Amino acid sequence: MTLTDLSPFTPAIVERIEPRSDNDPIARRLVELGFVPGEAIHVIAVAPISNDPIVTRIGSARFALRLDEARRIKIRTEGGHL
């Protein structure tokens, strides 16, 4: 399951960041921003019509992510279901 599959306000946990290539700069930047395994994450808003961008909250920070970026973030719901 990726972040793009998560309904707004549903709690989830970051499982991993999936790079698209060796040394993927976007995947690396997501990790630098705090999207690391074990972190709690929520979708707090989604753009109407196109669903791009997705606004997320991780810790006390909020980030607007494009769909391509959000698809790199693999998650599980807090209940453990994928």
Protein backbone atom coordinates (compact mmCIF):
# COMPACT_ATOMS: atom_id res chain seq x y z
CA MET A 1 0.00 0.00 0.00
CA THR A 2 1.33 3.45 -0.81
CA LEU A 3 0.53 6.82 0.67
CA THR A 4 -1.73 7.55 -2.32
CA ASP A 5 -4.03 4.69 -1.18
CA LEU A 6 -4.55 6.13 2.31
CA SER A 7 -7.83 7.86 3.08
CA PRO A 8 -7.60 11.24 4.82
CA PHE A 9 -7.23 11.10 8.61
CA THR A 10 -6.53 7.35 8.64
CA PRO A 11 -3.47 6.71 10.80
CA ALA A 12 -0.66 4.77 9.16
CA ILE A 13 3.00 3.90 9.64
CA VAL A 14 5.80 4.40 7.13
CA GLU A 15 7.19 1.00 6.12
CA ARG A 16 9.82 2.11 3.64
CA ILE A 17 10.65 4.51 0.85
CA GLU A 18 10.83 2.81 -2.53
CA PRO A 19 13.45 4.40 -4.80
CA ARG A 20 12.80 4.50 -8.54
CA SER A 21 16.47 4.15 -9.44
CA ASP A 22 19.88 3.80 -7.83
CA ASN A 23 20.60 6.92 -5.80
CA ASP A 24 17.05 8.30 -6.36
CA PRO A 25 17.28 11.96 -5.19
CA ILE A 26 13.57 12.21 -4.39
CA ALA A 27 13.60 9.06 -2.24
CA ARG A 28 16.71 10.32 -0.47
CA ARG A 29 15.08 13.71 0.17
CA LEU A 30 11.95 12.08 1.60
CA VAL A 31 14.11 10.23 4.11
CA GLU A 32 15.94 13.46 4.97
CA LEU A 33 12.58 15.13 5.65
CA GLY A 34 11.62 12.41 8.14
CA PHE A 35 9.72 9.85 6.08
CA VAL A 36 11.49 6.94 7.76
CA PRO A 37 10.31 3.45 8.74
CA GLY A 38 8.22 3.43 11.90
CA GLU A 39 7.05 7.04 11.71
CA ALA A 40 3.34 7.77 12.04
CA ILE A 41 1.83 9.50 9.01
CA HIS A 42 -1.56 10.94 8.12
CA VAL A 43 -3.05 12.35 4.93
CA ILE A 44 -4.74 15.57 6.01
CA ALA A 45 -5.89 16.95 2.65
CA VAL A 46 -6.10 15.94 -0.99
CA ALA A 47 -6.50 18.34 -3.89
CA PRO A 48 -9.94 18.18 -5.47
CA ILE A 49 -10.38 16.58 -8.89
CA SER A 50 -6.75 15.60 -9.62
CA ASN A 51 -5.80 14.43 -6.08
CA ASP A 52 -2.44 16.15 -6.67
CA PRO A 53 -0.92 17.28 -4.32
CA ILE A 54 -1.53 15.31 -1.13
CA VAL A 55 -0.93 17.13 2.15
CA THR A 56 0.56 14.86 4.81
CA ARG A 57 1.50 15.21 8.44
CA ILE A 58 4.48 13.38 9.85
CA GLY A 59 5.36 14.36 13.39
CA SER A 60 4.44 18.03 13.71
CA ALA A 61 5.46 18.85 10.13
CA ARG A 62 3.17 19.12 7.14
CA PHE A 63 4.26 18.43 3.57
CA ALA A 64 2.51 18.77 0.23
CA LEU A 65 3.64 15.86 -1.92
CA ARG A 66 3.03 15.26 -5.59
CA LEU A 67 1.49 11.91 -6.47
CA ASP A 68 4.77 10.63 -7.88
CA GLU A 69 6.50 11.40 -4.59
CA ALA A 70 3.70 9.93 -2.48
CA ARG A 71 3.77 6.68 -4.46
CA ARG A 72 7.33 6.09 -3.24
CA ILE A 73 6.13 5.97 0.39
CA LYS A 74 5.05 2.45 1.35
CA ILE A 75 2.82 2.32 4.42
CA ARG A 76 0.77 0.05 6.62
CA THR A 77 -2.26 1.03 8.63
CA GLU A 78 -1.80 1.11 12.37
CA GLY A 79 -3.92 -2.03 12.65
CA GLY A 80 -1.17 -3.82 10.72
CA HIS A 81 -3.16 -4.37 7.53
CA LEU A 82 -1.50 -3.75 4.20
